Amino acid sequence: MFLKSVPFAAALSLAMALPALADPVLYTSNPVPAYEAVQAAVKAQAGVNLGVITGGSGVLLRRIEAEAAAPQSDVFWSSSANTLGAYEQLFEPYASPALEAMMPELRYPGDLFLPGNLHVVTMLVNTDQLDGQEAPKTWADLADPAWNGRIIIADPANSSTGYTIVWGLSKLLDEATYKAVVANMVISGSSSNVPKGVAMGEYAVGLTYETNSYAYVDGGQEELTLVYPADGTFTSPEYAALVKNAPSGEVAKKTIDALLSKEAQIALLEVAFRRPSRTDIKVSDYVALPEIADIKLFALDEADAAKNREAFLAAWAALPKAGDVE
């Protein structure tokens, strides 16, 4: 009896000596369906519960910066390189095994940031609010004074979505046309209020990512339509990143592995309409969105956008606009 009890006692002693896996914490600007899909993947693949704190990407990045001496989060997910690039010092590289399945052009130098999905910029148009006006087909169409106060966009100072769009417009359009488009914009303090405002009929056009637009179209609002501008639109990888000195240690890496897994990216596509960054998932097999090869794109230099972020936002702030809303 005594001999049989020794292995059990040794095992019990060892189990008591090992620290329990710490539950990781995710900071994200993604909506509930998106982060719940990731929580499910983390639970299934890493066996831990993922805590989530939400907010605007810019706000959360500044929070991570303020917490740098004693990090309170493990993973940040939901921003473009044009925004994250200014905060490189807050994160550490991680070469997740999942990167082998990623589009090579989406990988960030040194794997400091990892591509969680790919965003495409669209116009969300409410055809009931056109008042007899023709729906815009190009970005330049939005320079018409008839659109004044009828276009909503997220504040680029606090939203990587907003920053991607206005930076892209500044490169695609000539200066006069760019300023005329900006002058017609209403600036929202919340990126989620952009498609919501269009869906509720408060604005005719919302400038946002495809994922946010399509959620309302998929919901059955037939008056809403997505416009991929004929003069080209912008894409931006949405990155995840490992917070430097992440409190949960190796569990934080497992969280990123789960987020980048094929299972998680299919779930994200189905419930939150996030285009996968992986090459082994065909978008049209799951949702009624065009393949990326069928969309006219205008290439952006994300590193340049990150480098010049502060100066660009200062110039943006000085431009006349139609107004501001919460």
C-alpha atoms as a PDB file:
ATOM      1  CA  MET A   1       0.000   0.000   0.000  1.00  0.00           C
ATOM      2  CA  PHE A   2       2.751   2.367   0.922  1.00  0.00           C
ATOM      3  CA  LEU A   3       4.678   1.730  -2.292  1.00  0.00           C
ATOM      4  CA  LYS A   4       1.582   2.332  -4.412  1.00  0.00           C
ATOM      5  CA  SER A   5       0.925   5.640  -2.668  1.00  0.00           C
ATOM      6  CA  VAL A   6       4.356   7.121  -3.413  1.00  0.00           C
ATOM      7  CA  PRO A   7       3.777   7.931  -7.116  1.00  0.00           C
ATOM      8  CA  PHE A   8       0.475   9.616  -6.279  1.00  0.00           C
ATOM      9  CA  ALA A   9       2.038  11.708  -3.519  1.00  0.00           C
ATOM     10  CA  ALA A  10       4.939  12.675  -5.789  1.00  0.00           C
ATOM     11  CA  ALA A  11       2.559  13.648  -8.546  1.00  0.00           C
ATOM     12  CA  LEU A  12       0.452  15.658  -6.150  1.00  0.00           C
ATOM     13  CA  SER A  13       3.523  17.442  -4.817  1.00  0.00           C
ATOM     14  CA  LEU A  14       4.671  18.249  -8.341  1.00  0.00           C
ATOM     15  CA  ALA A  15       1.239  19.542  -9.352  1.00  0.00           C
ATOM     16  CA  MET A  16       1.150  21.805  -6.297  1.00  0.00           C
ATOM     17  CA  ALA A  17       4.589  23.158  -7.161  1.00  0.00           C
ATOM     18  CA  LEU A  18       3.690  24.089 -10.743  1.00  0.00           C
ATOM     19  CA  PRO A  19       2.095  27.514 -11.220  1.00  0.00           C
ATOM     20  CA  ALA A  20      -1.373  27.535 -12.767  1.00  0.00           C
ATOM     21  CA  LEU A  21      -1.671  28.904 -16.281  1.00  0.00           C
ATOM     22  CA  ALA A  22      -2.447  32.605 -16.054  1.00  0.00           C
ATOM     23  CA  ASP A  23      -5.509  33.744 -17.966  1.00  0.00           C
ATOM     24  CA  PRO A  24      -4.369  36.171 -20.692  1.00  0.00           C
ATOM     25  CA  VAL A  25      -5.885  39.601 -21.304  1.00  0.00           C
ATOM     26  CA  LEU A  26      -6.593  40.989 -24.760  1.00  0.00           C
ATOM     27  CA  TYR A  27      -6.899  44.694 -25.568  1.00  0.00           C
ATOM     28  CA  THR A  28      -8.938  45.166 -28.739  1.00  0.00           C
ATOM     29  CA  SER A  29     -11.152  47.592 -30.623  1.00  0.00           C
ATOM     30  CA  ASN A  30     -12.950  44.716 -32.320  1.00  0.00           C
ATOM     31  CA  PRO A  31     -16.694  44.183 -31.723  1.00  0.00           C
ATOM     32  CA  VAL A  32     -18.259  41.472 -29.583  1.00  0.00           C
ATOM     33  CA  PRO A  33     -18.731  38.800 -32.313  1.00  0.00           C
ATOM     34  CA  ALA A  34     -15.068  39.099 -33.318  1.00  0.00           C
ATOM     35  CA  TYR A  35     -13.498  38.851 -29.893  1.00  0.00           C
ATOM     36  CA  GLU A  36     -15.930  36.130 -28.803  1.00  0.00           C
ATOM     37  CA  ALA A  37     -14.737  34.020 -31.754  1.00  0.00           C
ATOM     38  CA  VAL A  38     -11.165  34.501 -30.560  1.00  0.00           C
ATOM     39  CA  GLN A  39     -12.117  33.716 -26.960  1.00  0.00           C
ATOM     40  CA  ALA A  40     -13.638  30.420 -28.126  1.00  0.00           C
ATOM     41  CA  ALA A  41     -10.496  29.556 -30.106  1.00  0.00           C
ATOM     42  CA  VAL A  42      -8.213  30.369 -27.178  1.00  0.00           C
ATOM     43  CA  LYS A  43     -10.331  28.249 -24.829  1.00  0.00           C
ATOM     44  CA  ALA A  44     -10.364  25.314 -27.249  1.00  0.00           C
ATOM     45  CA  GLN A  45      -6.702  25.447 -28.234  1.00  0.00           C
ATOM     46  CA  ALA A  46      -4.927  26.828 -25.147  1.00  0.00           C
ATOM     47  CA  GLY A  47      -7.340  25.752 -22.414  1.00  0.00           C
ATOM     48  CA  VAL A  48      -7.523  29.190 -20.794  1.00  0.00           C
ATOM     49  CA  ASN A  49     -10.109  31.935 -20.525  1.00  0.00           C
ATOM     50  CA  LEU A  50      -9.281  35.078 -22.466  1.00  0.00           C
ATOM     51  CA  GLY A  51     -10.175  38.333 -20.736  1.00  0.00           C
ATOM     52  CA  VAL A  52     -11.046  41.254 -23.006  1.00  0.00           C
ATOM     53  CA  ILE A  53     -10.804  45.024 -22.614  1.00  0.00           C
ATOM     54  CA  THR A  54     -12.273  47.051 -25.491  1.00  0.00           C
ATOM     55  CA  GLY A  55     -11.819  50.619 -26.702  1.00  0.00           C
ATOM     56  CA  GLY A  56     -10.516  52.652 -29.624  1.00  0.00           C
ATOM     57  CA  SER A  57      -7.183  51.409 -30.948  1.00  0.00           C
ATOM     58  CA  GLY A  58      -5.433  54.703 -30.267  1.00  0.00           C
ATOM     59  CA  VAL A  59      -6.831  54.856 -26.739  1.00  0.00           C
ATOM     60  CA  LEU A  60      -5.763  51.280 -25.988  1.00  0.00           C
ATOM     61  CA  LEU A  61      -2.263  51.804 -27.355  1.00  0.00           C
ATOM     62  CA  ARG A  62      -1.814  54.827 -25.130  1.00  0.00           C
ATOM     63  CA  ARG A  63      -3.071  52.719 -22.226  1.00  0.00           C
ATOM     64  CA  ILE A  64      -0.455  50.035 -22.950  1.00  0.00           C
ATOM     65  CA  GLU A  65       2.134  52.825 -23.076  1.00  0.00           C
ATOM     66  CA  ALA A  66       1.016  54.121 -19.679  1.00  0.00           C
ATOM     67  CA  GLU A  67       1.159  50.583 -18.236  1.00  0.00           C
ATOM     68  CA  ALA A  68       4.574  49.732 -19.704  1.00  0.00           C
ATOM     69  CA  ALA A  69       6.323  49.543 -16.324  1.00  0.00           C
ATOM     70  CA  ALA A  70       3.732  47.036 -15.094  1.00  0.00           C
ATOM     71  CA  PRO A  71       1.840  45.578 -18.071  1.00  0.00           C
ATOM     72  CA  GLN A  72      -1.811  44.710 -17.509  1.00  0.00           C
ATOM     73  CA  SER A  73      -2.431  43.134 -20.927  1.00  0.00           C
ATOM     74  CA  ASP A  74      -0.862  40.317 -22.902  1.00  0.00           C
ATOM     75  CA  VAL A  75      -2.008  40.777 -26.487  1.00  0.00           C
ATOM     76  CA  PHE A  76      -3.138  43.778 -28.512  1.00  0.00           C
ATOM     77  CA  TRP A  77      -5.284  43.062 -31.559  1.00  0.00           C
ATOM     78  CA  SER A  78      -6.858  45.570 -33.866  1.00  0.00           C
ATOM     79  CA  SER A  79      -4.724  48.141 -35.546  1.00  0.00           C
ATOM     80  CA  SER A  80      -2.852  48.789 -38.767  1.00  0.00           C
ATOM     81  CA  ALA A  81       0.894  49.176 -39.152  1.00  0.00           C
ATOM     82  CA  ASN A  82       0.356  52.860 -39.902  1.00  0.00           C
ATOM     83  CA  THR A  83      -0.785  53.268 -36.294  1.00  0.00           C
ATOM     84  CA  LEU A  84       1.131  50.488 -34.529  1.00  0.00           C
ATOM     85  CA  GLY A  85       4.422  51.583 -36.048  1.00  0.00           C
ATOM     86  CA  ALA A  86       4.607  54.501 -33.642  1.00  0.00           C
ATOM     87  CA  TYR A  87       4.375  52.101 -30.666  1.00  0.00           C
ATOM     88  CA  GLU A  88       6.930  49.431 -31.617  1.00  0.00           C
ATOM     89  CA  GLN A  89       8.748  49.811 -28.309  1.00  0.00           C
ATOM     90  CA  LEU A  90       5.730  48.434 -26.415  1.00  0.00           C
ATOM     91  CA  PHE A  91       5.807  45.007 -28.079  1.00  0.00           C
ATOM     92  CA  GLU A  92       8.133  42.085 -28.659  1.00  0.00           C
ATOM     93  CA  PRO A  93       8.514  39.888 -31.758  1.00  0.00           C
ATOM     94  CA  TYR A  94       6.963  36.459 -31.954  1.00  0.00           C
ATOM     95  CA  ALA A  95       7.400  34.090 -34.895  1.00  0.00           C
ATOM     96  CA  SER A  96       4.175  32.131 -34.480  1.00  0.00           C
ATOM     97  CA  PRO A  97       4.079  28.780 -36.329  1.00  0.00           C
ATOM     98  CA  ALA A  98       0.880  30.050 -37.980  1.00  0.00           C
ATOM     99  CA  LEU A  99       2.926  32.560 -39.984  1.00  0.00           C
ATOM    100  CA  GLU A 100       3.803  29.770 -42.426  1.00  0.00           C
ATOM    101  CA  ALA A 101       0.221  29.982 -43.744  1.00  0.00           C
ATOM    102  CA  MET A 102       0.135  33.795 -43.996  1.00  0.00           C
ATOM    103  CA  MET A 103       0.351  35.940 -47.108  1.00  0.00           C
ATOM    104  CA  PRO A 104       4.073  36.833 -47.204  1.00  0.00           C
ATOM    105  CA  GLU A 105       3.388  40.460 -48.130  1.00  0.00           C
ATOM    106  CA  LEU A 106       1.416  40.942 -44.910  1.00  0.00           C
ATOM    107  CA  ARG A 107       4.256  39.974 -42.573  1.00  0.00           C
ATOM    108  CA  TYR A 108       5.764  42.820 -40.567  1.00  0.00           C
ATOM    109  CA  PRO A 109       9.575  43.155 -40.427  1.00  0.00           C
ATOM    110  CA  GLY A 110      10.960  40.963 -37.676  1.00  0.00           C
ATOM    111  CA  ASP A 111       7.460  39.601 -36.940  1.00  0.00           C
ATOM    112  CA  LEU A 112       6.937  42.302 -34.344  1.00  0.00           C
ATOM    113  CA  PHE A 113       3.295  42.443 -35.409  1.00  0.00           C
ATOM    114  CA  LEU A 114       1.366  39.455 -36.761  1.00  0.00           C
ATOM    115  CA  PRO A 115      -1.359  39.744 -39.426  1.00  0.00           C
ATOM    116  CA  GLY A 116      -4.673  38.696 -37.908  1.00  0.00           C
ATOM    117  CA  ASN A 117      -6.824  39.607 -40.892  1.00  0.00           C
ATOM    118  CA  LEU A 118      -6.980  41.945 -43.885  1.00  0.00           C
ATOM    119  CA  HIS A 119      -9.197  45.022 -44.051  1.00  0.00           C
ATOM    120  CA  VAL A 120     -10.572  46.632 -47.213  1.00  0.00           C
ATOM    121  CA  VAL A 121     -11.858  50.212 -47.128  1.00  0.00           C
ATOM    122  CA  THR A 122     -15.360  50.740 -48.534  1.00  0.00           C
ATOM    123  CA  MET A 123     -18.102  53.318 -48.697  1.00  0.00           C
ATOM    124  CA  LEU A 124     -21.307  52.207 -46.997  1.00  0.00           C
ATOM    125  CA  VAL A 125     -24.134  53.989 -48.826  1.00  0.00           C
ATOM    126  CA  ASN A 126     -27.728  54.352 -47.644  1.00  0.00           C
ATOM    127  CA  THR A 127     -29.717  54.625 -50.881  1.00  0.00           C
ATOM    128  CA  ASP A 128     -32.748  55.940 -48.975  1.00  0.00           C
ATOM    129  CA  GLN A 129     -30.708  59.031 -48.034  1.00  0.00           C
ATOM    130  CA  LEU A 130     -29.486  60.001 -51.507  1.00  0.00           C
ATOM    131  CA  ASP A 131     -32.374  62.443 -52.080  1.00  0.00           C
ATOM    132  CA  GLY A 132     -32.261  61.865 -55.821  1.00  0.00           C
ATOM    133  CA  GLN A 133     -28.499  62.234 -55.975  1.00  0.00           C
ATOM    134  CA  GLU A 134     -26.489  59.535 -57.728  1.00  0.00           C
ATOM    135  CA  ALA A 135     -24.552  57.248 -55.414  1.00  0.00           C
ATOM    136  CA  PRO A 136     -20.813  57.963 -55.376  1.00  0.00           C
ATOM    137  CA  LYS A 137     -18.685  55.699 -57.544  1.00  0.00           C
ATOM    138  CA  THR A 138     -15.261  57.230 -56.821  1.00  0.00           C
ATOM    139  CA  TRP A 139     -13.566  59.003 -53.949  1.00  0.00           C
ATOM    140  CA  ALA A 140     -13.435  62.157 -56.050  1.00  0.00           C
ATOM    141  CA  ASP A 141     -17.255  62.152 -56.250  1.00  0.00           C
ATOM    142  CA  LEU A 142     -17.335  62.947 -52.532  1.00  0.00           C
ATOM    143  CA  ALA A 143     -15.747  66.358 -53.160  1.00  0.00           C
ATOM    144  CA  ASP A 144     -19.107  67.678 -54.405  1.00  0.00           C
ATOM    145  CA  PRO A 145     -20.502  70.234 -51.900  1.00  0.00           C
ATOM    146  CA  ALA A 146     -23.821  68.353 -52.099  1.00  0.00           C
ATOM    147  CA  TRP A 147     -22.261  65.785 -49.739  1.00  0.00           C
ATOM    148  CA  ASN A 148     -21.474  68.335 -47.032  1.00  0.00           C
ATOM    149  CA  GLY A 149     -22.405  66.952 -43.610  1.00  0.00           C
ATOM    150  CA  ARG A 150     -23.663  63.698 -45.149  1.00  0.00           C
ATOM    151  CA  ILE A 151     -20.408  61.701 -44.902  1.00  0.00           C
ATOM    152  CA  ILE A 152     -19.257  60.207 -41.599  1.00  0.00           C
ATOM    153  CA  ILE A 153     -15.802  58.859 -40.708  1.00  0.00           C
ATOM    154  CA  ALA A 154     -14.037  57.861 -37.486  1.00  0.00           C
ATOM    155  CA  ASP A 155     -11.566  60.306 -35.948  1.00  0.00           C
ATOM    156  CA  PRO A 156      -8.140  59.292 -37.337  1.00  0.00           C
ATOM    157  CA  ALA A 157      -6.442  60.427 -34.131  1.00  0.00           C
ATOM    158  CA  ASN A 158      -8.181  57.650 -32.196  1.00  0.00           C
ATOM    159  CA  SER A 159      -9.068  55.116 -34.879  1.00  0.00           C
ATOM    160  CA  SER A 160      -6.675  53.207 -37.114  1.00  0.00           C
ATOM    161  CA  THR A 161      -9.613  52.780 -39.500  1.00  0.00           C
ATOM    162  CA  GLY A 162     -10.032  56.526 -39.810  1.00  0.00           C
ATOM    163  CA  TYR A 163      -6.293  57.068 -40.133  1.00  0.00           C
ATOM    164  CA  THR A 164      -5.953  54.481 -42.907  1.00  0.00           C
ATOM    165  CA  ILE A 165      -8.758  56.122 -44.882  1.00  0.00           C
ATOM    166  CA  VAL A 166      -7.693  59.763 -44.656  1.00  0.00           C
ATOM    167  CA  TRP A 167      -4.023  58.904 -45.214  1.00  0.00           C
ATOM    168  CA  GLY A 168      -5.038  56.922 -48.286  1.00  0.00           C
ATOM    169  CA  LEU A 169      -7.222  59.739 -49.607  1.00  0.00           C
ATOM    170  CA  SER A 170      -4.378  62.206 -49.173  1.00  0.00           C
ATOM    171  CA  LYS A 171      -2.233  60.010 -51.433  1.00  0.00           C
ATOM    172  CA  LEU A 172      -4.823  59.011 -54.024  1.00  0.00           C
ATOM    173  CA  LEU A 173      -6.431  62.432 -54.599  1.00  0.00           C
ATOM    174  CA  ASP A 174      -4.886  65.739 -55.610  1.00  0.00           C
ATOM    175  CA  GLU A 175      -4.615  68.248 -52.769  1.00  0.00           C
ATOM    176  CA  ALA A 176      -7.632  70.365 -53.724  1.00  0.00           C
ATOM    177  CA  THR A 177      -9.921  67.345 -54.123  1.00  0.00           C
ATOM    178  CA  TYR A 178      -8.674  65.815 -50.883  1.00  0.00           C
ATOM    179  CA  LYS A 179      -9.412  68.993 -48.943  1.00  0.00           C
ATOM    180  CA  ALA A 180     -12.846  69.270 -50.557  1.00  0.00           C
ATOM    181  CA  VAL A 181     -13.704  65.708 -49.486  1.00  0.00           C
ATOM    182  CA  VAL A 182     -12.489  66.355 -45.928  1.00  0.00           C
ATOM    183  CA  ALA A 183     -14.570  69.545 -45.772  1.00  0.00           C
ATOM    184  CA  ASN A 184     -17.702  67.440 -46.322  1.00  0.00           C
ATOM    185  CA  MET A 185     -16.929  64.971 -43.519  1.00  0.00           C
ATOM    186  CA  VAL A 186     -18.525  64.629 -40.102  1.00  0.00           C
ATOM    187  CA  ILE A 187     -15.992  63.193 -37.645  1.00  0.00           C
ATOM    188  CA  SER A 188     -17.138  60.561 -35.155  1.00  0.00           C
ATOM    189  CA  GLY A 189     -15.378  59.837 -31.893  1.00  0.00           C
ATOM    190  CA  SER A 190     -16.409  56.191 -32.252  1.00  0.00           C
ATOM    191  CA  SER A 191     -15.601  53.996 -35.239  1.00  0.00           C
ATOM    192  CA  SER A 192     -18.645  51.792 -34.563  1.00  0.00           C
ATOM    193  CA  ASN A 193     -20.919  54.800 -34.943  1.00  0.00           C
ATOM    194  CA  VAL A 194     -19.912  55.216 -38.593  1.00  0.00           C
ATOM    195  CA  PRO A 195     -21.826  52.243 -40.061  1.00  0.00           C
ATOM    196  CA  LYS A 196     -24.466  52.581 -37.376  1.00  0.00           C
ATOM    197  CA  GLY A 197     -25.141  56.191 -38.353  1.00  0.00           C
ATOM    198  CA  VAL A 198     -25.556  55.219 -42.007  1.00  0.00           C
ATOM    199  CA  ALA A 199     -27.741  52.227 -41.141  1.00  0.00           C
ATOM    200  CA  MET A 200     -29.999  54.464 -39.049  1.00  0.00           C
ATOM    201  CA  GLY A 201     -30.338  56.968 -41.881  1.00  0.00           C
ATOM    202  CA  GLU A 202     -28.446  59.763 -40.150  1.00  0.00           C
ATOM    203  CA  TYR A 203     -25.840  59.901 -42.942  1.00  0.00           C
ATOM    204  CA  ALA A 204     -25.853  58.980 -46.609  1.00  0.00           C
ATOM    205  CA  VAL A 205     -22.268  57.681 -46.726  1.00  0.00           C
ATOM    206  CA  GLY A 206     -19.986  56.089 -44.166  1.00  0.00           C
ATOM    207  CA  LEU A 207     -16.273  55.579 -44.787  1.00  0.00           C
ATOM    208  CA  THR A 208     -15.177  52.451 -42.990  1.00  0.00           C
ATOM    209  CA  TYR A 209     -13.773  48.975 -43.341  1.00  0.00           C
ATOM    210  CA  GLU A 210     -15.597  46.330 -45.345  1.00  0.00           C
ATOM    211  CA  THR A 211     -16.133  44.190 -42.257  1.00  0.00           C
ATOM    212  CA  ASN A 212     -18.068  46.947 -40.480  1.00  0.00           C
ATOM    213  CA  SER A 213     -20.110  47.792 -43.581  1.00  0.00           C
ATOM    214  CA  TYR A 214     -21.016  44.256 -44.545  1.00  0.00           C
ATOM    215  CA  ALA A 215     -22.325  43.421 -41.084  1.00  0.00           C
ATOM    216  CA  TYR A 216     -25.301  45.710 -41.760  1.00  0.00           C
ATOM    217  CA  VAL A 217     -25.826  44.533 -45.334  1.00  0.00           C
ATOM    218  CA  ASP A 218     -25.773  40.919 -44.148  1.00  0.00           C
ATOM    219  CA  GLY A 219     -28.316  41.897 -41.507  1.00  0.00           C
ATOM    220  CA  GLY A 220     -30.903  42.443 -44.241  1.00  0.00           C
ATOM    221  CA  GLN A 221     -31.015  46.218 -44.705  1.00  0.00           C
ATOM    222  CA  GLU A 222     -31.668  46.326 -48.445  1.00  0.00           C
ATOM    223  CA  GLU A 223     -31.232  50.095 -48.618  1.00  0.00           C
ATOM    224  CA  LEU A 224     -27.550  49.677 -47.731  1.00  0.00           C
ATOM    225  CA  THR A 225     -24.882  48.900 -50.307  1.00  0.00           C
ATOM    226  CA  LEU A 226     -21.108  48.592 -50.311  1.00  0.00           C
ATOM    227  CA  VAL A 227     -19.161  50.655 -52.825  1.00  0.00           C
ATOM    228  CA  TYR A 228     -15.600  49.711 -53.729  1.00  0.00           C
ATOM    229  CA  PRO A 229     -14.454  53.007 -55.348  1.00  0.00           C
ATOM    230  CA  ALA A 230     -13.585  52.728 -59.025  1.00  0.00           C
ATOM    231  CA  ASP A 231     -10.487  54.902 -58.570  1.00  0.00           C
ATOM    232  CA  GLY A 232      -9.081  52.309 -56.192  1.00  0.00           C
ATOM    233  CA  THR A 233      -9.413  51.572 -52.519  1.00  0.00           C
ATOM    234  CA  PHE A 234      -7.076  50.753 -49.664  1.00  0.00           C
ATOM    235  CA  THR A 235      -6.253  47.593 -47.773  1.00  0.00           C
ATOM    236  CA  SER A 236      -4.653  47.347 -44.395  1.00  0.00           C
ATOM    237  CA  PRO A 237      -3.627  44.267 -42.422  1.00  0.00           C
ATOM    238  CA  GLU A 238      -5.049  44.231 -38.921  1.00  0.00           C
ATOM    239  CA  TYR A 239      -2.276  43.100 -36.636  1.00  0.00           C
ATOM    240  CA  ALA A 240      -2.017  41.306 -33.339  1.00  0.00           C
ATOM    241  CA  ALA A 241       0.978  41.927 -31.135  1.00  0.00           C
ATOM    242  CA  LEU A 242       2.596  40.427 -28.063  1.00  0.00           C
ATOM    243  CA  VAL A 243       2.885  43.007 -25.290  1.00  0.00           C
ATOM    244  CA  LYS A 244       6.428  43.316 -23.982  1.00  0.00           C
ATOM    245  CA  ASN A 245       6.776  41.458 -20.657  1.00  0.00           C
ATOM    246  CA  ALA A 246       3.265  40.057 -21.037  1.00  0.00           C
ATOM    247  CA  PRO A 247       2.034  38.921 -17.578  1.00  0.00           C
ATOM    248  CA  SER A 248       0.801  35.514 -18.787  1.00  0.00           C
ATOM    249  CA  GLY A 249       4.130  34.658 -20.443  1.00  0.00           C
ATOM    250  CA  GLU A 250       3.951  31.672 -22.775  1.00  0.00           C
ATOM    251  CA  VAL A 251       0.166  31.670 -22.573  1.00  0.00           C
ATOM    252  CA  ALA A 252       0.170  35.020 -24.384  1.00  0.00           C
ATOM    253  CA  LYS A 253       1.971  33.349 -27.310  1.00  0.00           C
ATOM    254  CA  LYS A 254      -0.576  30.522 -27.343  1.00  0.00           C
ATOM    255  CA  THR A 255      -3.286  33.185 -27.497  1.00  0.00           C
ATOM    256  CA  ILE A 256      -1.759  34.631 -30.659  1.00  0.00           C
ATOM    257  CA  ASP A 257      -1.369  31.130 -32.128  1.00  0.00           C
ATOM    258  CA  ALA A 258      -5.091  30.553 -31.569  1.00  0.00           C
ATOM    259  CA  LEU A 259      -6.048  33.908 -33.059  1.00  0.00           C
ATOM    260  CA  LEU A 260      -4.067  33.122 -36.218  1.00  0.00           C
ATOM    261  CA  SER A 261      -5.308  29.553 -36.544  1.00  0.00           C
ATOM    262  CA  LYS A 262      -7.382  28.449 -39.517  1.00  0.00           C
ATOM    263  CA  GLU A 263     -10.292  27.598 -37.230  1.00  0.00           C
ATOM    264  CA  ALA A 264     -10.320  31.068 -35.667  1.00  0.00           C
ATOM    265  CA  GLN A 265      -9.964  32.872 -38.987  1.00  0.00           C
ATOM    266  CA  ILE A 266     -12.859  30.959 -40.537  1.00  0.00           C
ATOM    267  CA  ALA A 267     -14.972  31.777 -37.487  1.00  0.00           C
ATOM    268  CA  LEU A 268     -13.963  35.443 -37.732  1.00  0.00           C
ATOM    269  CA  LEU A 269     -14.952  35.469 -41.396  1.00  0.00           C
ATOM    270  CA  GLU A 270     -18.320  33.855 -40.739  1.00  0.00           C
ATOM    271  CA  VAL A 271     -19.408  35.866 -37.696  1.00  0.00           C
ATOM    272  CA  ALA A 272     -17.494  39.140 -38.080  1.00  0.00           C
ATOM    273  CA  PHE A 273     -16.675  39.233 -41.818  1.00  0.00           C
ATOM    274  CA  ARG A 274     -12.939  39.564 -41.265  1.00  0.00           C
ATOM    275  CA  ARG A 275     -10.946  38.708 -44.406  1.00  0.00           C
ATOM    276  CA  PRO A 276      -8.378  36.061 -43.459  1.00  0.00           C
ATOM    277  CA  SER A 277      -4.672  36.761 -43.643  1.00  0.00           C
ATOM    278  CA  ARG A 278      -4.133  33.071 -44.348  1.00  0.00           C
ATOM    279  CA  THR A 279      -3.729  31.677 -47.858  1.00  0.00           C
ATOM    280  CA  ASP A 280      -5.690  28.478 -47.174  1.00  0.00           C
ATOM    281  CA  ILE A 281      -9.158  30.060 -46.820  1.00  0.00           C
ATOM    282  CA  LYS A 282     -11.352  31.110 -49.784  1.00  0.00           C
ATOM    283  CA  VAL A 283     -13.542  34.035 -48.741  1.00  0.00           C
ATOM    284  CA  SER A 284     -16.449  33.337 -51.098  1.00  0.00           C
ATOM    285  CA  ASP A 285     -16.874  29.836 -49.642  1.00  0.00           C
ATOM    286  CA  TYR A 286     -18.192  31.456 -46.461  1.00  0.00           C
ATOM    287  CA  VAL A 287     -19.614  34.934 -47.181  1.00  0.00           C
ATOM    288  CA  ALA A 288     -20.934  36.943 -50.143  1.00  0.00           C
ATOM    289  CA  LEU A 289     -17.903  39.199 -50.489  1.00  0.00           C
ATOM    290  CA  PRO A 290     -15.709  39.634 -53.581  1.00  0.00           C
ATOM    291  CA  GLU A 291     -12.329  37.984 -53.733  1.00  0.00           C
ATOM    292  CA  ILE A 292      -9.490  40.434 -53.192  1.00  0.00           C
ATOM    293  CA  ALA A 293      -8.278  39.875 -56.781  1.00  0.00           C
ATOM    294  CA  ASP A 294     -11.555  41.375 -58.052  1.00  0.00           C
ATOM    295  CA  ILE A 295     -11.171  44.679 -56.176  1.00  0.00           C
ATOM    296  CA  LYS A 296      -9.170  47.594 -57.604  1.00  0.00           C
ATOM    297  CA  LEU A 297      -6.568  48.531 -55.019  1.00  0.00           C
ATOM    298  CA  PHE A 298      -4.389  51.579 -54.421  1.00  0.00           C
ATOM    299  CA  ALA A 299      -1.155  50.647 -52.669  1.00  0.00           C
ATOM    300  CA  LEU A 300      -0.190  52.501 -49.490  1.00  0.00           C
ATOM    301  CA  ASP A 301       3.159  52.766 -47.738  1.00  0.00           C
ATOM    302  CA  GLU A 302       2.258  51.801 -44.165  1.00  0.00           C
ATOM    303  CA  ALA A 303       5.755  52.523 -42.860  1.00  0.00           C
ATOM    304  CA  ASP A 304       5.591  56.039 -44.273  1.00  0.00           C
ATOM    305  CA  ALA A 305       2.152  56.483 -42.726  1.00  0.00           C
ATOM    306  CA  ALA A 306       3.499  55.449 -39.331  1.00  0.00           C
ATOM    307  CA  LYS A 307       6.598  57.636 -39.597  1.00  0.00           C
ATOM    308  CA  ASN A 308       4.607  60.734 -40.515  1.00  0.00           C
ATOM    309  CA  ARG A 309       1.590  60.075 -38.304  1.00  0.00           C
ATOM    310  CA  GLU A 310       2.080  62.964 -35.883  1.00  0.00           C
ATOM    311  CA  ALA A 311       2.697  65.573 -38.585  1.00  0.00           C
ATOM    312  CA  PHE A 312      -0.139  64.269 -40.738  1.00  0.00           C
ATOM    313  CA  LEU A 313      -2.636  64.360 -37.879  1.00  0.00           C
ATOM    314  CA  ALA A 314      -1.599  67.919 -37.009  1.00  0.00           C
ATOM    315  CA  ALA A 315      -2.248  68.971 -40.608  1.00  0.00           C
ATOM    316  CA  TRP A 316      -5.530  67.028 -40.628  1.00  0.00           C
ATOM    317  CA  ALA A 317      -6.718  68.763 -37.450  1.00  0.00           C
ATOM    318  CA  ALA A 318      -6.277  72.154 -39.118  1.00  0.00           C
ATOM    319  CA  LEU A 319      -8.461  71.299 -42.118  1.00  0.00           C
ATOM    320  CA  PRO A 320     -12.072  72.578 -42.239  1.00  0.00           C
ATOM    321  CA  LYS A 321     -14.704  69.862 -41.727  1.00  0.00           C
ATOM    322  CA  ALA A 322     -18.482  69.625 -41.627  1.00  0.00           C
ATOM    323  CA  GLY A 323     -18.614  68.849 -37.906  1.00  0.00           C
ATOM    324  CA  ASP A 324     -17.910  66.506 -35.033  1.00  0.00           C
ATOM    325  CA  VAL A 325     -20.122  63.989 -33.234  1.00  0.00           C
ATOM    326  CA  GLU A 326     -19.655  61.508 -30.400  1.00  0.00           C
END
